Amino acid sequence: MDIISIQPVSILITIANIIILYLILRHFLLKPVNAVLEKRKALLEEEKQRAEQANEEANDYKKQYEAKVAELKANEKETMAESARKAAKEYDRILLDATTRADEIIADANKKAEMDAKNRQAEKDRELADIVAEAAKKIAAASSNAQVDRSLYDEFLNKAGEDDLE
């Protein structure tokens, strides 16, 4: 039965070899691998922190952008209202100016029409005075009879009627 024999020395040597092999592998293989894994873990953690920070900055920028947009919309409404007020004021000013100018033109036209009417009336009065003077001259020059007076009176009325028609 000597074929399979268990010798305590060989078990101890095998255990010692396994422990030495574990220590060697641990020192030359596991420590560098663990160091690389730790570095990668630190890099990933750092990248995660940078991403979170960038996300926070993006959210801050987004909030600033939304605030600016809201402010611009408020300013736009205010500007539009101010422009509408200015336009209404300018419209009122232009309308008042146009009304004033129209009133002045109408007043000037009325004055001119009144002056023209007075001038025409004065011209008619002069013509009438000339006709009366002419009729008086004819009456004085001619003898005073009823037939002549009647013809002069009819002529006077005809001339006066013609002037009124003009």
N, C-alpha and C. Protein backbone atom coordinates (compact mmCIF):
# COMPACT_ATOMS: atom_id res chain seq x y z
N MET A 1 0.79 -1.16 0.00
CA MET A 1 0.00 0.00 0.00
C MET A 1 0.85 1.25 0.00
N ASP A 2 1.85 1.04 -0.30
CA ASP A 2 2.79 2.11 -0.33
C ASP A 2 2.59 3.02 -1.54
N ILE A 3 1.78 2.74 -2.30
CA ILE A 3 1.58 3.50 -3.51
C ILE A 3 1.02 4.87 -3.16
N ILE A 4 0.02 4.88 -2.41
CA ILE A 4 -0.54 6.15 -2.00
C ILE A 4 -0.24 6.29 -0.53
N SER A 5 0.67 7.10 -0.28
CA SER A 5 0.96 7.32 1.12
C SER A 5 0.93 8.80 1.41
N ILE A 6 0.51 9.13 2.55
CA ILE A 6 0.39 10.51 2.96
C ILE A 6 1.53 10.76 3.90
N GLN A 7 2.36 11.65 3.51
CA GLN A 7 3.49 11.99 4.34
C GLN A 7 3.28 13.40 4.85
N PRO A 8 3.38 13.58 6.13
CA PRO A 8 3.13 14.90 6.70
C PRO A 8 4.12 15.95 6.20
N VAL A 9 5.30 15.60 5.92
CA VAL A 9 6.30 16.57 5.46
C VAL A 9 5.87 17.08 4.08
N SER A 10 5.42 16.22 3.27
CA SER A 10 5.03 16.64 1.95
C SER A 10 3.78 17.51 2.00
N ILE A 11 2.91 17.27 2.94
CA ILE A 11 1.74 18.13 3.10
C ILE A 11 2.19 19.50 3.57
N LEU A 12 3.11 19.55 4.49
CA LEU A 12 3.62 20.82 4.99
C LEU A 12 4.35 21.58 3.89
N ILE A 13 5.09 20.90 3.09
CA ILE A 13 5.82 21.55 2.00
C ILE A 13 4.81 22.08 0.98
N THR A 14 3.78 21.33 0.70
CA THR A 14 2.76 21.75 -0.26
C THR A 14 2.03 22.98 0.28
N ILE A 15 1.71 22.97 1.59
CA ILE A 15 1.04 24.11 2.19
C ILE A 15 1.96 25.32 2.16
N ALA A 16 3.22 25.12 2.47
CA ALA A 16 4.19 26.21 2.44
C ALA A 16 4.32 26.75 1.02
N ASN A 17 4.35 25.87 0.03
CA ASN A 17 4.45 26.30 -1.38
C ASN A 17 3.21 27.12 -1.78
N ILE A 18 2.05 26.67 -1.34
CA ILE A 18 0.82 27.40 -1.68
C ILE A 18 0.84 28.79 -1.03
N ILE A 19 1.26 28.87 0.23
CA ILE A 19 1.32 30.16 0.92
C ILE A 19 2.33 31.07 0.25
N ILE A 20 3.50 30.55 -0.10
CA ILE A 20 4.53 31.35 -0.76
C ILE A 20 4.01 31.81 -2.13
N LEU A 21 3.40 30.88 -2.85
CA LEU A 21 2.85 31.23 -4.16
C LEU A 21 1.77 32.31 -4.02
N TYR A 22 0.91 32.19 -3.01
CA TYR A 22 -0.12 33.22 -2.76
C TYR A 22 0.52 34.57 -2.46
N LEU A 23 1.53 34.59 -1.60
CA LEU A 23 2.20 35.85 -1.26
C LEU A 23 2.89 36.46 -2.47
N ILE A 24 3.52 35.64 -3.29
CA ILE A 24 4.20 36.15 -4.49
C ILE A 24 3.15 36.71 -5.46
N LEU A 25 2.09 35.95 -5.68
CA LEU A 25 1.04 36.43 -6.60
C LEU A 25 0.38 37.69 -6.04
N ARG A 26 0.18 37.68 -4.74
CA ARG A 26 -0.44 38.86 -4.13
C ARG A 26 0.45 40.08 -4.31
N HIS A 27 1.72 39.91 -4.11
CA HIS A 27 2.63 41.05 -4.19
C HIS A 27 2.81 41.51 -5.64
N PHE A 28 3.00 40.60 -6.56
CA PHE A 28 3.31 40.98 -7.94
C PHE A 28 2.08 41.07 -8.86
N LEU A 29 1.00 40.45 -8.49
CA LEU A 29 -0.15 40.46 -9.39
C LEU A 29 -1.35 41.17 -8.77
N LEU A 30 -1.74 40.81 -7.59
CA LEU A 30 -2.95 41.36 -7.02
C LEU A 30 -2.79 42.83 -6.64
N LYS A 31 -1.66 43.23 -6.05
CA LYS A 31 -1.47 44.63 -5.67
C LYS A 31 -1.50 45.55 -6.89
N PRO A 32 -0.77 45.25 -7.97
CA PRO A 32 -0.86 46.14 -9.15
C PRO A 32 -2.27 46.14 -9.76
N VAL A 33 -2.89 44.99 -9.80
CA VAL A 33 -4.25 44.94 -10.36
C VAL A 33 -5.18 45.75 -9.48
N ASN A 34 -5.08 45.59 -8.17
CA ASN A 34 -5.91 46.37 -7.26
C ASN A 34 -5.60 47.86 -7.37
N ALA A 35 -4.33 48.20 -7.55
CA ALA A 35 -3.96 49.62 -7.71
C ALA A 35 -4.59 50.18 -8.98
N VAL A 36 -4.54 49.43 -10.07
CA VAL A 36 -5.15 49.88 -11.33
C VAL A 36 -6.66 50.02 -11.14
N LEU A 37 -7.25 49.04 -10.45
CA LEU A 37 -8.69 49.11 -10.21
C LEU A 37 -9.05 50.32 -9.35
N GLU A 38 -8.25 50.63 -8.35
CA GLU A 38 -8.48 51.79 -7.49
C GLU A 38 -8.34 53.09 -8.30
N LYS A 39 -7.31 53.15 -9.15
CA LYS A 39 -7.13 54.34 -9.99
C LYS A 39 -8.34 54.53 -10.91
N ARG A 40 -8.79 53.42 -11.50
CA ARG A 40 -9.96 53.51 -12.38
C ARG A 40 -11.19 53.94 -11.60
N LYS A 41 -11.34 53.41 -10.41
CA LYS A 41 -12.48 53.77 -9.57
C LYS A 41 -12.42 55.25 -9.22
N ALA A 42 -11.22 55.75 -8.90
CA ALA A 42 -11.05 57.17 -8.58
C ALA A 42 -11.35 58.03 -9.82
N LEU A 43 -10.87 57.60 -10.99
CA LEU A 43 -11.16 58.33 -12.23
C LEU A 43 -12.66 58.36 -12.51
N LEU A 44 -13.31 57.22 -12.32
CA LEU A 44 -14.75 57.18 -12.55
C LEU A 44 -15.49 58.08 -11.57
N GLU A 45 -15.04 58.06 -10.33
CA GLU A 45 -15.65 58.91 -9.32
C GLU A 45 -15.44 60.39 -9.67
N GLU A 46 -14.24 60.71 -10.12
CA GLU A 46 -13.93 62.09 -10.52
C GLU A 46 -14.78 62.51 -11.72
N GLU A 47 -14.90 61.63 -12.70
CA GLU A 47 -15.74 61.91 -13.88
C GLU A 47 -17.20 62.09 -13.48
N LYS A 48 -17.65 61.27 -12.54
CA LYS A 48 -19.03 61.38 -12.07
C LYS A 48 -19.24 62.74 -11.39
N GLN A 49 -18.26 63.15 -10.57
CA GLN A 49 -18.37 64.45 -9.91
C GLN A 49 -18.36 65.59 -10.93
N ARG A 50 -17.49 65.49 -11.94
CA ARG A 50 -17.45 66.51 -12.99
C ARG A 50 -18.77 66.56 -13.76
N ALA A 51 -19.33 65.40 -14.04
CA ALA A 51 -20.60 65.35 -14.76
C ALA A 51 -21.72 65.97 -13.92
N GLU A 52 -21.72 65.66 -12.62
CA GLU A 52 -22.73 66.25 -11.74
C GLU A 52 -22.56 67.77 -11.67
N GLN A 53 -21.31 68.19 -11.57
CA GLN A 53 -21.03 69.64 -11.52
C GLN A 53 -21.46 70.30 -12.83
N ALA A 54 -21.15 69.68 -13.96
CA ALA A 54 -21.55 70.23 -15.26
C ALA A 54 -23.08 70.26 -15.36
N ASN A 55 -23.73 69.24 -14.84
CA ASN A 55 -25.19 69.20 -14.85
C ASN A 55 -25.76 70.32 -14.00
N GLU A 56 -25.16 70.55 -12.82
CA GLU A 56 -25.60 71.64 -11.96
C GLU A 56 -25.40 72.99 -12.66
N GLU A 57 -24.24 73.16 -13.29
CA GLU A 57 -23.98 74.41 -14.02
C GLU A 57 -24.97 74.60 -15.16
N ALA A 58 -25.26 73.52 -15.85
CA ALA A 58 -26.24 73.59 -16.95
C ALA A 58 -27.61 73.97 -16.41
N ASN A 59 -27.98 73.41 -15.27
CA ASN A 59 -29.27 73.77 -14.66
C ASN A 59 -29.27 75.23 -14.24
N ASP A 60 -28.13 75.69 -13.68
CA ASP A 60 -28.03 77.11 -13.31
C ASP A 60 -28.17 77.99 -14.55
N TYR A 61 -27.47 77.63 -15.63
CA TYR A 61 -27.57 78.41 -16.87
C TYR A 61 -28.99 78.39 -17.42
N LYS A 62 -29.62 77.24 -17.29
CA LYS A 62 -31.00 77.12 -17.78
C LYS A 62 -31.91 78.04 -16.97
N LYS A 63 -31.72 78.04 -15.64
CA LYS A 63 -32.53 78.93 -14.80
C LYS A 63 -32.27 80.39 -15.15
N GLN A 64 -30.99 80.75 -15.37
CA GLN A 64 -30.65 82.13 -15.76
C GLN A 64 -31.29 82.46 -17.10
N TYR A 65 -31.21 81.52 -18.03
CA TYR A 65 -31.81 81.74 -19.35
C TYR A 65 -33.31 81.95 -19.23
N GLU A 66 -33.98 81.09 -18.45
CA GLU A 66 -35.43 81.23 -18.29
C GLU A 66 -35.77 82.55 -17.62
N ALA A 67 -34.95 82.97 -16.65
CA ALA A 67 -35.19 84.26 -15.99
C ALA A 67 -35.02 85.40 -16.99
N LYS A 68 -33.99 85.31 -17.82
CA LYS A 68 -33.77 86.36 -18.84
C LYS A 68 -34.92 86.38 -19.84
N VAL A 69 -35.38 85.22 -20.24
CA VAL A 69 -36.50 85.15 -21.20
C VAL A 69 -37.74 85.77 -20.58
N ALA A 70 -38.00 85.44 -19.31
CA ALA A 70 -39.17 86.02 -18.63
C ALA A 70 -39.02 87.53 -18.52
N GLU A 71 -37.80 87.98 -18.21
CA GLU A 71 -37.55 89.42 -18.09
C GLU A 71 -37.74 90.11 -19.44
N LEU A 72 -37.23 89.47 -20.50
CA LEU A 72 -37.38 90.04 -21.83
C LEU A 72 -38.84 90.08 -22.26
N LYS A 73 -39.60 89.06 -21.90
CA LYS A 73 -41.02 89.07 -22.24
C LYS A 73 -41.74 90.18 -21.50
N ALA A 74 -41.38 90.36 -20.22
CA ALA A 74 -41.98 91.46 -19.45
C ALA A 74 -41.58 92.80 -20.06
N ASN A 75 -40.31 92.92 -20.42
CA ASN A 75 -39.86 94.16 -21.05
C ASN A 75 -40.53 94.37 -22.40
N GLU A 76 -40.74 93.28 -23.12
CA GLU A 76 -41.41 93.38 -24.42
C GLU A 76 -42.83 93.91 -24.25
N LYS A 77 -43.54 93.36 -23.26
CA LYS A 77 -44.91 93.82 -23.01
C LYS A 77 -44.90 95.28 -22.59
N GLU A 78 -43.95 95.63 -21.73
CA GLU A 78 -43.85 97.02 -21.27
C GLU A 78 -43.49 97.94 -22.44
N THR A 79 -42.56 97.50 -23.27
CA THR A 79 -42.16 98.30 -24.42
C THR A 79 -43.31 98.46 -25.40
N MET A 80 -44.05 97.37 -25.62
CA MET A 80 -45.20 97.44 -26.53
C MET A 80 -46.25 98.40 -25.98
N ALA A 81 -46.50 98.34 -24.67
CA ALA A 81 -47.48 99.24 -24.06
C ALA A 81 -47.00 100.68 -24.17
N GLU A 82 -45.71 100.91 -23.92
CA GLU A 82 -45.16 102.27 -24.02
C GLU A 82 -45.24 102.76 -25.46
N SER A 83 -44.93 101.88 -26.41
CA SER A 83 -45.02 102.26 -27.83
C SER A 83 -46.46 102.60 -28.20
N ALA A 84 -47.40 101.81 -27.69
CA ALA A 84 -48.81 102.08 -27.98
C ALA A 84 -49.23 103.42 -27.39
N ARG A 85 -48.75 103.71 -26.16
CA ARG A 85 -49.08 105.00 -25.55
C ARG A 85 -48.48 106.14 -26.37
N LYS A 86 -47.23 105.98 -26.79
CA LYS A 86 -46.58 107.02 -27.58
C LYS A 86 -47.30 107.20 -28.92
N ALA A 87 -47.68 106.08 -29.53
CA ALA A 87 -48.38 106.16 -30.82
C ALA A 87 -49.73 106.86 -30.65
N ALA A 88 -50.44 106.54 -29.57
CA ALA A 88 -51.73 107.19 -29.32
C ALA A 88 -51.53 108.69 -29.08
N LYS A 89 -50.49 109.02 -28.34
CA LYS A 89 -50.19 110.43 -28.06
C LYS A 89 -49.85 111.16 -29.37
N GLU A 90 -49.02 110.51 -30.20
CA GLU A 90 -48.65 111.11 -31.49
C GLU A 90 -49.87 111.24 -32.39
N TYR A 91 -50.74 110.23 -32.38
CA TYR A 91 -51.97 110.28 -33.16
C TYR A 91 -52.83 111.46 -32.72
N ASP A 92 -52.98 111.60 -31.40
CA ASP A 92 -53.78 112.71 -30.87
C ASP A 92 -53.17 114.05 -31.26
N ARG A 93 -51.83 114.15 -31.19
CA ARG A 93 -51.15 115.40 -31.55
C ARG A 93 -51.36 115.71 -33.03
N ILE A 94 -51.20 114.70 -33.87
CA ILE A 94 -51.37 114.90 -35.32
C ILE A 94 -52.82 115.27 -35.62
N LEU A 95 -53.76 114.59 -34.96
CA LEU A 95 -55.17 114.88 -35.18
C LEU A 95 -55.50 116.30 -34.73
N LEU A 96 -54.99 116.71 -33.59
CA LEU A 96 -55.22 118.06 -33.09
C LEU A 96 -54.60 119.09 -34.05
N ASP A 97 -53.40 118.80 -34.51
CA ASP A 97 -52.73 119.70 -35.44
C ASP A 97 -53.53 119.81 -36.75
N ALA A 98 -53.99 118.67 -37.25
CA ALA A 98 -54.76 118.68 -38.49
C ALA A 98 -56.09 119.41 -38.30
N THR A 99 -56.72 119.19 -37.14
CA THR A 99 -57.99 119.87 -36.86
C THR A 99 -57.78 121.38 -36.77
N THR A 100 -56.70 121.77 -36.10
CA THR A 100 -56.38 123.20 -35.98
C THR A 100 -56.13 123.81 -37.36
N ARG A 101 -55.35 123.12 -38.17
CA ARG A 101 -55.06 123.63 -39.52
C ARG A 101 -56.33 123.69 -40.36
N ALA A 102 -57.18 122.66 -40.23
CA ALA A 102 -58.44 122.66 -40.98
C ALA A 102 -59.33 123.81 -40.53
N ASP A 103 -59.38 124.04 -39.22
CA ASP A 103 -60.18 125.16 -38.71
C ASP A 103 -59.65 126.49 -39.23
N GLU A 104 -58.30 126.62 -39.27
CA GLU A 104 -57.70 127.85 -39.78
C GLU A 104 -58.05 128.04 -41.26
N ILE A 105 -57.97 126.95 -42.03
CA ILE A 105 -58.27 127.02 -43.46
C ILE A 105 -59.74 127.39 -43.66
N ILE A 106 -60.62 126.77 -42.86
CA ILE A 106 -62.05 127.08 -42.97
C ILE A 106 -62.31 128.53 -42.59
N ALA A 107 -61.67 128.99 -41.50
CA ALA A 107 -61.85 130.38 -41.07
C ALA A 107 -61.35 131.33 -42.15
N ASP A 108 -60.18 131.03 -42.74
CA ASP A 108 -59.65 131.87 -43.83
C ASP A 108 -60.60 131.86 -45.02
N ALA A 109 -61.12 130.68 -45.36
CA ALA A 109 -62.04 130.58 -46.50
C ALA A 109 -63.32 131.37 -46.21
N ASN A 110 -63.82 131.27 -44.96
CA ASN A 110 -65.02 132.03 -44.60
C ASN A 110 -64.76 133.54 -44.68
N LYS A 111 -63.60 133.96 -44.18
CA LYS A 111 -63.26 135.39 -44.25
C LYS A 111 -63.16 135.84 -45.71
N LYS A 112 -62.52 134.99 -46.52
CA LYS A 112 -62.37 135.35 -47.93
C LYS A 112 -63.74 135.40 -48.61
N ALA A 113 -64.60 134.41 -48.30
CA ALA A 113 -65.94 134.40 -48.90
C ALA A 113 -66.73 135.62 -48.43
N GLU A 114 -66.58 135.98 -47.16
CA GLU A 114 -67.27 137.15 -46.62
C GLU A 114 -66.76 138.42 -47.31
N MET A 115 -65.44 138.49 -47.47
CA MET A 115 -64.87 139.66 -48.15
C MET A 115 -65.33 139.72 -49.60
N ASP A 116 -65.37 138.57 -50.27
CA ASP A 116 -65.84 138.54 -51.65
C ASP A 116 -67.30 138.96 -51.72
N ALA A 117 -68.11 138.49 -50.76
CA ALA A 117 -69.53 138.87 -50.74
C ALA A 117 -69.66 140.37 -50.50
N LYS A 118 -68.86 140.92 -49.58
CA LYS A 118 -68.90 142.36 -49.32
C LYS A 118 -68.46 143.14 -50.55
N ASN A 119 -67.41 142.63 -51.21
CA ASN A 119 -66.93 143.31 -52.42
C ASN A 119 -67.98 143.28 -53.52
N ARG A 120 -68.63 142.13 -53.68
CA ARG A 120 -69.69 142.04 -54.70
C ARG A 120 -70.84 142.98 -54.34
N GLN A 121 -71.20 143.00 -53.05
CA GLN A 121 -72.28 143.89 -52.62
C GLN A 121 -71.88 145.35 -52.84
N ALA A 122 -70.63 145.69 -52.53
CA ALA A 122 -70.17 147.06 -52.74
C ALA A 122 -70.19 147.39 -54.23
N GLU A 123 -69.79 146.43 -55.06
CA GLU A 123 -69.80 146.64 -56.51
C GLU A 123 -71.24 146.85 -56.99
N LYS A 124 -72.15 146.02 -56.47
CA LYS A 124 -73.55 146.18 -56.86
C LYS A 124 -74.08 147.54 -56.39
N ASP A 125 -73.70 147.92 -55.16
CA ASP A 125 -74.13 149.23 -54.65
C ASP A 125 -73.60 150.35 -55.54
N ARG A 126 -72.35 150.25 -55.98
CA ARG A 126 -71.78 151.28 -56.87
C ARG A 126 -72.51 151.31 -58.21
N GLU A 127 -72.75 150.10 -58.73
CA GLU A 127 -73.48 150.04 -60.00
C GLU A 127 -74.89 150.62 -59.84
N LEU A 128 -75.53 150.27 -58.72
CA LEU A 128 -76.87 150.80 -58.46
C LEU A 128 -76.83 152.32 -58.34
N ALA A 129 -75.80 152.81 -57.66
CA ALA A 129 -75.67 154.27 -57.51
C ALA A 129 -75.43 154.91 -58.88
N ASP A 130 -74.61 154.23 -59.71
CA ASP A 130 -74.37 154.75 -61.05
C ASP A 130 -75.67 154.77 -61.87
N ILE A 131 -76.46 153.70 -61.74
CA ILE A 131 -77.72 153.63 -62.48
C ILE A 131 -78.67 154.72 -61.99
N VAL A 132 -78.74 154.89 -60.67
CA VAL A 132 -79.62 155.93 -60.11
C VAL A 132 -79.16 157.30 -60.57
N ALA A 133 -77.84 157.51 -60.55
CA ALA A 133 -77.30 158.80 -60.98
C ALA A 133 -77.61 159.02 -62.46
N GLU A 134 -77.45 157.97 -63.24
CA GLU A 134 -77.73 158.10 -64.67
C GLU A 134 -79.21 158.38 -64.90
N ALA A 135 -80.06 157.67 -64.14
CA ALA A 135 -81.50 157.89 -64.27
C ALA A 135 -81.86 159.30 -63.83
N ALA A 136 -81.24 159.76 -62.76
CA ALA A 136 -81.51 161.11 -62.28
C ALA A 136 -81.05 162.13 -63.30
N LYS A 137 -79.91 161.84 -63.93
CA LYS A 137 -79.39 162.75 -64.96
C LYS A 137 -80.36 162.80 -66.13
N LYS A 138 -80.87 161.63 -66.52
CA LYS A 138 -81.79 161.59 -67.64
C LYS A 138 -83.10 162.30 -67.28
N ILE A 139 -83.52 162.12 -66.06
CA ILE A 139 -84.76 162.77 -65.62
C ILE A 139 -84.56 164.27 -65.61
N ALA A 140 -83.45 164.71 -65.13
CA ALA A 140 -83.19 166.14 -65.06
C ALA A 140 -83.04 166.71 -66.46
N ALA A 141 -82.44 165.95 -67.34
CA ALA A 141 -82.22 166.45 -68.68
C ALA A 141 -83.51 166.43 -69.49
N ALA A 142 -84.29 165.48 -69.28
CA ALA A 142 -85.51 165.36 -70.06
C ALA A 142 -86.63 166.08 -69.36
N SER A 143 -87.64 166.29 -70.11
CA SER A 143 -88.78 166.95 -69.47
C SER A 143 -89.45 165.93 -68.59
N SER A 144 -90.10 166.41 -67.70
CA SER A 144 -90.69 165.59 -66.67
C SER A 144 -92.10 165.20 -67.09
N ASN A 145 -92.21 164.17 -67.80
CA ASN A 145 -93.55 163.72 -68.09
C ASN A 145 -93.70 162.27 -67.60
N ALA A 146 -94.89 161.82 -67.49
CA ALA A 146 -95.18 160.52 -66.88
C ALA A 146 -94.68 159.39 -67.75
N GLN A 147 -94.78 159.54 -69.07
CA GLN A 147 -94.35 158.48 -69.97
C GLN A 147 -92.85 158.30 -69.86
N VAL A 148 -92.07 159.33 -69.84
CA VAL A 148 -90.61 159.25 -69.73
C VAL A 148 -90.24 158.68 -68.38
N ASP A 149 -90.93 159.13 -67.34
CA ASP A 149 -90.64 158.63 -66.00
C ASP A 149 -90.88 157.13 -65.92
N ARG A 150 -91.97 156.71 -66.53
CA ARG A 150 -92.30 155.30 -66.49
C ARG A 150 -91.26 154.48 -67.27
N SER A 151 -90.82 154.93 -68.41
CA SER A 151 -89.83 154.19 -69.20
C SER A 151 -88.48 154.17 -68.46
N LEU A 152 -88.10 155.28 -67.84
CA LEU A 152 -86.85 155.31 -67.06
C LEU A 152 -86.93 154.36 -65.87
N TYR A 153 -88.10 154.35 -65.23
CA TYR A 153 -88.28 153.48 -64.07
C TYR A 153 -88.20 152.02 -64.51
N ASP A 154 -88.83 151.66 -65.64
CA ASP A 154 -88.76 150.29 -66.16
C ASP A 154 -87.33 149.92 -66.54
N GLU A 155 -86.61 150.84 -67.16
CA GLU A 155 -85.21 150.60 -67.53
C GLU A 155 -84.37 150.38 -66.27
N PHE A 156 -84.61 151.18 -65.25
CA PHE A 156 -83.91 151.05 -63.98
C PHE A 156 -84.15 149.67 -63.37
N LEU A 157 -85.41 149.24 -63.38
CA LEU A 157 -85.74 147.94 -62.81
C LEU A 157 -85.13 146.81 -63.62
N ASN A 158 -85.11 146.92 -64.92
CA ASN A 158 -84.51 145.90 -65.76
C ASN A 158 -83.01 145.77 -65.50
N LYS A 159 -82.32 146.91 -65.44
CA LYS A 159 -80.86 146.88 -65.16
C LYS A 159 -80.57 146.33 -63.76
N ALA A 160 -81.38 146.74 -62.79
CA ALA A 160 -81.19 146.26 -61.42
C ALA A 160 -81.45 144.77 -61.36
N GLY A 161 -82.44 144.27 -62.08
CA GLY A 161 -82.76 142.84 -62.11
C GLY A 161 -81.66 142.04 -62.77
N GLU A 162 -81.07 142.59 -63.84
CA GLU A 162 -79.98 141.91 -64.52
C GLU A 162 -78.76 141.81 -63.62
N ASP A 163 -78.47 142.85 -62.85
CA ASP A 163 -77.32 142.82 -61.95
C ASP A 163 -77.53 141.80 -60.82
N ASP A 164 -78.77 141.69 -60.35
CA ASP A 164 -79.04 140.73 -59.29
C ASP A 164 -78.88 139.30 -59.78
N LEU A 165 -79.21 139.05 -61.05
CA LEU A 165 -79.09 137.72 -61.62
C LEU A 165 -77.62 137.32 -61.79
N GLU A 166 -76.78 138.27 -61.97
CA GLU A 166 -75.37 137.96 -62.16
C GLU A 166 -74.82 137.59 -60.85
